[in-house]
Amino acid sequence: MMTIRGLFALAVMIAGLTFFAACDDGGGNGGNATSTATDGGSGGDGDTQDLSALAAAFADATFRGEYTLTGSTDDEEFTNAMLVIYKDGTDRLRFDLSAEQDGEATELLFIETADVSAFCLRNAGEFGLLLGVPEGDGVCFNDDPSGGAGDYSEIIEDIERGEGEIVERTEREIAGQQADCYRISDAEGSVSDVCFSEEGYLLATTESDGSGLEATTVSGDVGDEDFDLPYEVREFPDLDAEE
């Protein structure tokens, strides 16, 4: 059976790409696109300002995006990994993650609002016996046991301080959207990419290790029901006590 710890690790990797939504400005890691670049060149002050504006637009944006994922955790191999992001301005964020390991599908979702911070499993699986949840039923837990997500709000500040730089800027088409893409080198020399639409929709990212995401569809349609917890909330079991 797929270990839930491995799936949490994968989720945290994705969380690091999405949970900077409440920041006034942010950056990320940029993406595999569906066409070749139309132009490019070294970054300058204008590029930094444009990226800052796009990151601010992302922080305020409301959209739903479906993404394919690349990469894996250190100790778990996943296939057919997909992500759906629901974002409602700076107030509400949700992402649904699905993946397969050895032919077994596992799905989980995270929801962050002013009133809720929780993650849910669509199938309680190995937790069913611990929680008394019937086989095949879903369950939600308050707080992410992984300890939270990454914060990318300092990336642009690092560039402005001269501790990182935009090394290339390109335009691409991703999921039918015109994307502005930036390749960023940080103070340690790690290179990553991020692509946004003009509206601030996140379209693609690539980490320095090759992991990342790319949108297949994006739209501005989200509803209140998208941020409702779908299952009963339970206390997360102490896994260490079970080992």
C-alpha atoms as a PDB file:
ATOM      1  CA  MET A   1       0.000   0.000   0.000  1.00  0.00           C
ATOM      2  CA  MET A   2       1.197   3.522  -0.707  1.00  0.00           C
ATOM      3  CA  THR A   3       2.558   5.153   2.435  1.00  0.00           C
ATOM      4  CA  ILE A   4       0.680   8.277   3.381  1.00  0.00           C
ATOM      5  CA  ARG A   5       3.930   9.918   4.494  1.00  0.00           C
ATOM      6  CA  GLY A   6       5.241   9.826   0.936  1.00  0.00           C
ATOM      7  CA  LEU A   7       2.104  11.477  -0.406  1.00  0.00           C
ATOM      8  CA  PHE A   8       2.363  14.187   2.251  1.00  0.00           C
ATOM      9  CA  ALA A   9       5.923  14.860   1.098  1.00  0.00           C
ATOM     10  CA  LEU A  10       4.713  15.279  -2.485  1.00  0.00           C
ATOM     11  CA  ALA A  11       1.919  17.561  -1.311  1.00  0.00           C
ATOM     12  CA  VAL A  12       4.343  19.753   0.591  1.00  0.00           C
ATOM     13  CA  MET A  13       6.441  20.145  -2.561  1.00  0.00           C
ATOM     14  CA  ILE A  14       3.343  21.439  -4.348  1.00  0.00           C
ATOM     15  CA  ALA A  15       2.335  23.540  -1.351  1.00  0.00           C
ATOM     16  CA  GLY A  16       5.598  25.395  -1.649  1.00  0.00           C
ATOM     17  CA  LEU A  17       4.532  26.476  -5.124  1.00  0.00           C
ATOM     18  CA  THR A  18       1.068  27.663  -4.161  1.00  0.00           C
ATOM     19  CA  PHE A  19       0.830  28.808  -0.563  1.00  0.00           C
ATOM     20  CA  PHE A  20       2.456  32.178  -1.181  1.00  0.00           C
ATOM     21  CA  ALA A  21      -1.003  33.305  -2.348  1.00  0.00           C
ATOM     22  CA  ALA A  22      -1.539  35.624   0.603  1.00  0.00           C
ATOM     23  CA  CYS A  23       1.709  37.538   0.006  1.00  0.00           C
ATOM     24  CA  ASP A  24       1.629  40.970  -1.619  1.00  0.00           C
ATOM     25  CA  ASP A  25       4.358  39.894  -4.014  1.00  0.00           C
ATOM     26  CA  GLY A  26       5.815  36.485  -4.727  1.00  0.00           C
ATOM     27  CA  GLY A  27       7.785  34.372  -7.051  1.00  0.00           C
ATOM     28  CA  GLY A  28       8.039  30.740  -7.858  1.00  0.00           C
ATOM     29  CA  ASN A  29       9.533  28.286 -10.182  1.00  0.00           C
ATOM     30  CA  GLY A  30       8.718  28.284 -13.780  1.00  0.00           C
ATOM     31  CA  GLY A  31       7.563  25.995 -16.313  1.00  0.00           C
ATOM     32  CA  ASN A  32       7.465  23.579 -19.112  1.00  0.00           C
ATOM     33  CA  ALA A  33       5.509  25.281 -21.886  1.00  0.00           C
ATOM     34  CA  THR A  34       3.672  23.931 -24.902  1.00  0.00           C
ATOM     35  CA  SER A  35       5.549  26.039 -27.436  1.00  0.00           C
ATOM     36  CA  THR A  36       8.983  27.497 -27.966  1.00  0.00           C
ATOM     37  CA  ALA A  37       9.921  30.900 -26.596  1.00  0.00           C
ATOM     38  CA  THR A  38       9.101  33.855 -28.799  1.00  0.00           C
ATOM     39  CA  ASP A  39      11.702  36.175 -27.326  1.00  0.00           C
ATOM     40  CA  GLY A  40      14.196  36.255 -24.509  1.00  0.00           C
ATOM     41  CA  GLY A  41      17.173  37.924 -22.985  1.00  0.00           C
ATOM     42  CA  SER A  42      18.858  38.912 -19.766  1.00  0.00           C
ATOM     43  CA  GLY A  43      16.720  40.349 -17.021  1.00  0.00           C
ATOM     44  CA  GLY A  44      16.886  43.981 -15.966  1.00  0.00           C
ATOM     45  CA  ASP A  45      15.108  46.416 -13.681  1.00  0.00           C
ATOM     46  CA  GLY A  46      12.127  46.461 -16.035  1.00  0.00           C
ATOM     47  CA  ASP A  47      11.844  42.682 -15.908  1.00  0.00           C
ATOM     48  CA  THR A  48      11.978  42.724 -12.108  1.00  0.00           C
ATOM     49  CA  GLN A  49       9.200  45.313 -11.990  1.00  0.00           C
ATOM     50  CA  ASP A  50       7.106  43.313 -14.454  1.00  0.00           C
ATOM     51  CA  LEU A  51       7.586  40.112 -12.452  1.00  0.00           C
ATOM     52  CA  SER A  52       6.658  41.976  -9.269  1.00  0.00           C
ATOM     53  CA  ALA A  53       3.476  43.184 -10.960  1.00  0.00           C
ATOM     54  CA  LEU A  54       2.577  39.674 -12.133  1.00  0.00           C
ATOM     55  CA  ALA A  55       3.242  38.224  -8.684  1.00  0.00           C
ATOM     56  CA  ALA A  56       0.989  40.877  -7.150  1.00  0.00           C
ATOM     57  CA  ALA A  57      -1.675  40.024  -9.738  1.00  0.00           C
ATOM     58  CA  PHE A  58      -1.322  36.357  -8.768  1.00  0.00           C
ATOM     59  CA  ALA A  59      -1.808  37.218  -5.093  1.00  0.00           C
ATOM     60  CA  ASP A  60      -5.103  38.933  -5.915  1.00  0.00           C
ATOM     61  CA  ALA A  61      -6.253  36.559  -8.672  1.00  0.00           C
ATOM     62  CA  THR A  62      -9.289  34.299  -8.560  1.00  0.00           C
ATOM     63  CA  PHE A  63      -9.025  31.217 -10.754  1.00  0.00           C
ATOM     64  CA  ARG A  64      -9.238  27.454 -11.098  1.00  0.00           C
ATOM     65  CA  GLY A  65      -6.373  25.634 -12.793  1.00  0.00           C
ATOM     66  CA  GLU A  66      -5.672  22.003 -13.640  1.00  0.00           C
ATOM     67  CA  TYR A  67      -2.014  20.952 -13.840  1.00  0.00           C
ATOM     68  CA  THR A  68       0.182  18.000 -14.635  1.00  0.00           C
ATOM     69  CA  LEU A  69       3.097  17.452 -12.236  1.00  0.00           C
ATOM     70  CA  THR A  70       6.642  16.317 -12.875  1.00  0.00           C
ATOM     71  CA  GLY A  71       9.200  15.047 -10.386  1.00  0.00           C
ATOM     72  CA  SER A  72       8.972  12.801  -7.349  1.00  0.00           C
ATOM     73  CA  THR A  73       9.759  12.771  -3.673  1.00  0.00           C
ATOM     74  CA  ASP A  74      13.104  11.434  -2.459  1.00  0.00           C
ATOM     75  CA  ASP A  75      11.760   8.092  -1.365  1.00  0.00           C
ATOM     76  CA  GLU A  76       8.466   7.621  -3.230  1.00  0.00           C
ATOM     77  CA  GLU A  77       7.877   7.280  -6.979  1.00  0.00           C
ATOM     78  CA  PHE A  78       4.554   8.614  -8.239  1.00  0.00           C
ATOM     79  CA  THR A  79       2.971   8.531 -11.677  1.00  0.00           C
ATOM     80  CA  ASN A  80       0.012  10.302 -13.283  1.00  0.00           C
ATOM     81  CA  ALA A  81       0.296  13.093 -10.724  1.00  0.00           C
ATOM     82  CA  MET A  82      -2.293  15.838 -11.217  1.00  0.00           C
ATOM     83  CA  LEU A  83      -3.083  19.030  -9.324  1.00  0.00           C
ATOM     84  CA  VAL A  84      -6.160  21.266  -9.274  1.00  0.00           C
ATOM     85  CA  ILE A  85      -5.801  24.721  -7.691  1.00  0.00           C
ATOM     86  CA  TYR A  86      -8.786  26.794  -6.577  1.00  0.00           C
ATOM     87  CA  LYS A  87      -7.845  30.334  -5.578  1.00  0.00           C
ATOM     88  CA  ASP A  88     -10.132  33.146  -4.453  1.00  0.00           C
ATOM     89  CA  GLY A  89      -8.033  36.277  -4.067  1.00  0.00           C
ATOM     90  CA  THR A  90      -5.919  36.347  -0.914  1.00  0.00           C
ATOM     91  CA  ASP A  91      -8.677  34.846   1.245  1.00  0.00           C
ATOM     92  CA  ARG A  92      -9.205  31.272   0.083  1.00  0.00           C
ATOM     93  CA  LEU A  93      -7.021  28.598  -1.426  1.00  0.00           C
ATOM     94  CA  ARG A  94      -7.511  24.924  -2.148  1.00  0.00           C
ATOM     95  CA  PHE A  95      -5.561  22.342  -4.045  1.00  0.00           C
ATOM     96  CA  ASP A  96      -6.477  18.773  -4.914  1.00  0.00           C
ATOM     97  CA  LEU A  97      -3.643  16.330  -5.538  1.00  0.00           C
ATOM     98  CA  SER A  98      -3.979  12.902  -7.128  1.00  0.00           C
ATOM     99  CA  ALA A  99      -1.246  10.409  -7.927  1.00  0.00           C
ATOM    100  CA  GLU A 100      -0.603   6.699  -8.423  1.00  0.00           C
ATOM    101  CA  GLN A 101       2.003   4.400  -6.961  1.00  0.00           C
ATOM    102  CA  ASP A 102       2.263   0.800  -8.146  1.00  0.00           C
ATOM    103  CA  GLY A 103      -1.119   1.199  -9.814  1.00  0.00           C
ATOM    104  CA  GLU A 104      -2.851   2.379  -6.638  1.00  0.00           C
ATOM    105  CA  ALA A 105      -4.552   5.779  -6.741  1.00  0.00           C
ATOM    106  CA  THR A 106      -4.511   8.168  -3.805  1.00  0.00           C
ATOM    107  CA  GLU A 107      -6.134  11.590  -3.621  1.00  0.00           C
ATOM    108  CA  LEU A 108      -5.951  14.356  -1.061  1.00  0.00           C
ATOM    109  CA  LEU A 109      -6.897  17.995  -0.860  1.00  0.00           C
ATOM    110  CA  PHE A 110      -5.849  21.005   1.200  1.00  0.00           C
ATOM    111  CA  ILE A 111      -8.138  23.932   2.036  1.00  0.00           C
ATOM    112  CA  GLU A 112      -7.033  27.252   3.540  1.00  0.00           C
ATOM    113  CA  THR A 113      -9.559  29.991   4.369  1.00  0.00           C
ATOM    114  CA  ALA A 114      -9.989  32.528   7.167  1.00  0.00           C
ATOM    115  CA  ASP A 115     -11.927  29.898   9.108  1.00  0.00           C
ATOM    116  CA  VAL A 116     -10.470  26.593   7.928  1.00  0.00           C
ATOM    117  CA  SER A 117      -7.013  25.054   7.678  1.00  0.00           C
ATOM    118  CA  ALA A 118      -7.350  21.392   6.851  1.00  0.00           C
ATOM    119  CA  PHE A 119      -6.387  18.553   4.560  1.00  0.00           C
ATOM    120  CA  CYS A 120      -8.613  15.675   3.492  1.00  0.00           C
ATOM    121  CA  LEU A 121      -8.210  12.170   2.090  1.00  0.00           C
ATOM    122  CA  ARG A 122     -10.820  11.022  -0.402  1.00  0.00           C
ATOM    123  CA  ASN A 123     -10.284   7.517   0.914  1.00  0.00           C
ATOM    124  CA  ALA A 124      -9.250   7.101   4.563  1.00  0.00           C
ATOM    125  CA  GLY A 125      -7.303   4.009   3.493  1.00  0.00           C
ATOM    126  CA  GLU A 126      -4.798   2.920   6.137  1.00  0.00           C
ATOM    127  CA  PHE A 127      -6.313   5.388   8.624  1.00  0.00           C
ATOM    128  CA  GLY A 128      -9.706   3.684   8.453  1.00  0.00           C
ATOM    129  CA  LEU A 129      -9.011   1.168  11.212  1.00  0.00           C
ATOM    130  CA  LEU A 130      -7.434   3.829  13.443  1.00  0.00           C
ATOM    131  CA  LEU A 131     -10.326   6.260  13.040  1.00  0.00           C
ATOM    132  CA  GLY A 132     -13.309   3.999  12.617  1.00  0.00           C
ATOM    133  CA  VAL A 133     -13.930   5.417   9.152  1.00  0.00           C
ATOM    134  CA  PRO A 134     -15.627   2.924   6.799  1.00  0.00           C
ATOM    135  CA  GLU A 135     -13.494   1.650   3.932  1.00  0.00           C
ATOM    136  CA  GLY A 136     -13.766   3.893   0.907  1.00  0.00           C
ATOM    137  CA  ASP A 137     -15.035   6.921   2.855  1.00  0.00           C
ATOM    138  CA  GLY A 138     -13.178  10.218   3.027  1.00  0.00           C
ATOM    139  CA  VAL A 139     -11.915  12.062   6.089  1.00  0.00           C
ATOM    140  CA  CYS A 140     -10.520  15.529   6.915  1.00  0.00           C
ATOM    141  CA  PHE A 141      -7.946  16.645   9.491  1.00  0.00           C
ATOM    142  CA  ASN A 142      -7.228  20.051  10.979  1.00  0.00           C
ATOM    143  CA  ASP A 143      -3.727  21.363  10.291  1.00  0.00           C
ATOM    144  CA  ASP A 144      -1.138  19.875   7.965  1.00  0.00           C
ATOM    145  CA  PRO A 145       1.111  17.410   9.883  1.00  0.00           C
ATOM    146  CA  SER A 146       3.944  18.203   7.487  1.00  0.00           C
ATOM    147  CA  GLY A 147       4.447  21.471   9.342  1.00  0.00           C
ATOM    148  CA  GLY A 148       3.301  23.991   6.761  1.00  0.00           C
ATOM    149  CA  ALA A 149       4.441  25.163   3.362  1.00  0.00           C
ATOM    150  CA  GLY A 150       7.175  27.209   1.785  1.00  0.00           C
ATOM    151  CA  ASP A 151       7.080  30.986   1.476  1.00  0.00           C
ATOM    152  CA  TYR A 152       8.401  32.496  -1.764  1.00  0.00           C
ATOM    153  CA  SER A 153       7.661  36.104  -0.853  1.00  0.00           C
ATOM    154  CA  GLU A 154      11.364  37.010  -0.512  1.00  0.00           C
ATOM    155  CA  ILE A 155      12.448  36.001  -4.026  1.00  0.00           C
ATOM    156  CA  ILE A 156      11.801  39.362  -5.672  1.00  0.00           C
ATOM    157  CA  GLU A 157      13.279  41.203  -2.685  1.00  0.00           C
ATOM    158  CA  ASP A 158      16.449  39.122  -3.134  1.00  0.00           C
ATOM    159  CA  ILE A 159      16.602  40.123  -6.799  1.00  0.00           C
ATOM    160  CA  GLU A 160      16.168  43.781  -5.932  1.00  0.00           C
ATOM    161  CA  ARG A 161      18.964  43.517  -3.332  1.00  0.00           C
ATOM    162  CA  GLY A 162      21.260  41.978  -5.909  1.00  0.00           C
ATOM    163  CA  GLU A 163      21.218  38.561  -4.208  1.00  0.00           C
ATOM    164  CA  GLY A 164      19.514  36.937  -7.196  1.00  0.00           C
ATOM    165  CA  GLU A 165      18.674  37.810 -10.757  1.00  0.00           C
ATOM    166  CA  ILE A 166      16.321  37.224 -13.651  1.00  0.00           C
ATOM    167  CA  VAL A 167      18.521  35.574 -16.255  1.00  0.00           C
ATOM    168  CA  GLU A 168      15.940  35.156 -19.024  1.00  0.00           C
ATOM    169  CA  ARG A 169      12.464  36.287 -19.941  1.00  0.00           C
ATOM    170  CA  THR A 170      10.319  34.592 -22.575  1.00  0.00           C
ATOM    171  CA  GLU A 171       6.749  34.516 -23.862  1.00  0.00           C
ATOM    172  CA  ARG A 172       4.985  31.178 -24.327  1.00  0.00           C
ATOM    173  CA  GLU A 173       1.539  29.745 -24.879  1.00  0.00           C
ATOM    174  CA  ILE A 174       0.352  27.439 -22.094  1.00  0.00           C
ATOM    175  CA  ALA A 175      -3.170  26.006 -21.787  1.00  0.00           C
ATOM    176  CA  GLY A 176      -4.349  28.439 -24.438  1.00  0.00           C
ATOM    177  CA  GLN A 177      -3.057  31.410 -22.426  1.00  0.00           C
ATOM    178  CA  GLN A 178      -0.292  33.850 -23.284  1.00  0.00           C
ATOM    179  CA  ALA A 179       2.344  33.368 -20.587  1.00  0.00           C
ATOM    180  CA  ASP A 180       5.154  35.603 -19.368  1.00  0.00           C
ATOM    181  CA  CYS A 181       7.936  33.318 -18.144  1.00  0.00           C
ATOM    182  CA  TYR A 182      10.969  34.238 -16.038  1.00  0.00           C
ATOM    183  CA  ARG A 183      14.084  32.216 -15.336  1.00  0.00           C
ATOM    184  CA  ILE A 184      15.443  33.157 -11.927  1.00  0.00           C
ATOM    185  CA  SER A 185      18.850  32.448 -10.379  1.00  0.00           C
ATOM    186  CA  ASP A 186      18.976  32.783  -6.589  1.00  0.00           C
ATOM    187  CA  ALA A 187      21.894  33.717  -4.362  1.00  0.00           C
ATOM    188  CA  GLU A 188      23.033  30.068  -4.219  1.00  0.00           C
ATOM    189  CA  GLY A 189      22.995  29.757  -7.997  1.00  0.00           C
ATOM    190  CA  SER A 190      19.924  27.521  -8.189  1.00  0.00           C
ATOM    191  CA  VAL A 191      17.865  28.241 -11.302  1.00  0.00           C
ATOM    192  CA  SER A 192      14.085  28.006 -11.461  1.00  0.00           C
ATOM    193  CA  ASP A 193      11.309  29.275 -13.722  1.00  0.00           C
ATOM    194  CA  VAL A 194       7.805  30.657 -13.285  1.00  0.00           C
ATOM    195  CA  CYS A 195       5.093  31.518 -15.828  1.00  0.00           C
ATOM    196  CA  PHE A 196       2.017  33.701 -15.246  1.00  0.00           C
ATOM    197  CA  SER A 197      -0.777  34.942 -17.446  1.00  0.00           C
ATOM    198  CA  GLU A 198      -1.528  38.660 -17.618  1.00  0.00           C
ATOM    199  CA  GLU A 199      -4.384  38.074 -15.154  1.00  0.00           C
ATOM    200  CA  GLY A 200      -2.000  36.519 -12.646  1.00  0.00           C
ATOM    201  CA  TYR A 201      -2.992  32.900 -13.282  1.00  0.00           C
ATOM    202  CA  LEU A 202      -0.172  30.515 -12.407  1.00  0.00           C
ATOM    203  CA  LEU A 203       0.597  28.590 -15.616  1.00  0.00           C
ATOM    204  CA  ALA A 204       3.839  26.683 -15.055  1.00  0.00           C
ATOM    205  CA  THR A 205       6.778  26.230 -12.727  1.00  0.00           C
ATOM    206  CA  THR A 206      10.036  24.300 -12.783  1.00  0.00           C
ATOM    207  CA  GLU A 207      12.334  23.762  -9.802  1.00  0.00           C
ATOM    208  CA  SER A 208      16.107  23.466 -10.133  1.00  0.00           C
ATOM    209  CA  ASP A 209      15.756  19.684  -9.647  1.00  0.00           C
ATOM    210  CA  GLY A 210      13.375  19.427 -12.628  1.00  0.00           C
ATOM    211  CA  SER A 211      10.167  19.035 -10.627  1.00  0.00           C
ATOM    212  CA  GLY A 212       7.293  21.364 -11.351  1.00  0.00           C
ATOM    213  CA  LEU A 213       3.847  21.789 -12.827  1.00  0.00           C
ATOM    214  CA  GLU A 214       2.195  22.910 -16.058  1.00  0.00           C
ATOM    215  CA  ALA A 215      -1.392  24.024 -16.578  1.00  0.00           C
ATOM    216  CA  THR A 216      -3.672  22.103 -18.907  1.00  0.00           C
ATOM    217  CA  THR A 217      -6.734  24.322 -18.319  1.00  0.00           C
ATOM    218  CA  VAL A 218      -7.320  27.559 -16.391  1.00  0.00           C
ATOM    219  CA  SER A 219     -10.392  29.732 -15.884  1.00  0.00           C
ATOM    220  CA  GLY A 220     -11.698  32.395 -13.538  1.00  0.00           C
ATOM    221  CA  ASP A 221     -14.557  30.219 -12.268  1.00  0.00           C
ATOM    222  CA  VAL A 222     -14.624  29.318  -8.563  1.00  0.00           C
ATOM    223  CA  GLY A 223     -17.539  29.127  -6.122  1.00  0.00           C
ATOM    224  CA  ASP A 224     -18.092  29.178  -2.375  1.00  0.00           C
ATOM    225  CA  GLU A 225     -18.775  25.450  -2.422  1.00  0.00           C
ATOM    226  CA  ASP A 226     -15.242  24.796  -3.672  1.00  0.00           C
ATOM    227  CA  PHE A 227     -13.904  25.764  -0.239  1.00  0.00           C
ATOM    228  CA  ASP A 228     -16.287  23.676   1.887  1.00  0.00           C
ATOM    229  CA  LEU A 229     -14.804  20.695   3.728  1.00  0.00           C
ATOM    230  CA  PRO A 230     -16.225  17.605   2.006  1.00  0.00           C
ATOM    231  CA  TYR A 231     -15.896  15.137   4.917  1.00  0.00           C
ATOM    232  CA  GLU A 232     -16.098  14.865   8.691  1.00  0.00           C
ATOM    233  CA  VAL A 233     -13.124  16.372  10.536  1.00  0.00           C
ATOM    234  CA  ARG A 234     -11.163  13.973  12.786  1.00  0.00           C
ATOM    235  CA  GLU A 235      -8.056  14.264  14.940  1.00  0.00           C
ATOM    236  CA  PHE A 236      -4.937  13.219  13.063  1.00  0.00           C
ATOM    237  CA  PRO A 237      -3.567   9.973  14.567  1.00  0.00           C
ATOM    238  CA  ASP A 238      -0.124   9.815  16.153  1.00  0.00           C
ATOM    239  CA  LEU A 239       1.722   7.789  13.515  1.00  0.00           C
ATOM    240  CA  ASP A 240       4.903   7.569  15.600  1.00  0.00           C
ATOM    241  CA  ALA A 241       2.959   5.881  18.346  1.00  0.00           C
ATOM    242  CA  GLU A 242       1.839   3.251  15.850  1.00  0.00           C
ATOM    243  CA  GLU A 243       5.366   2.411  14.681  1.00  0.00           C
END
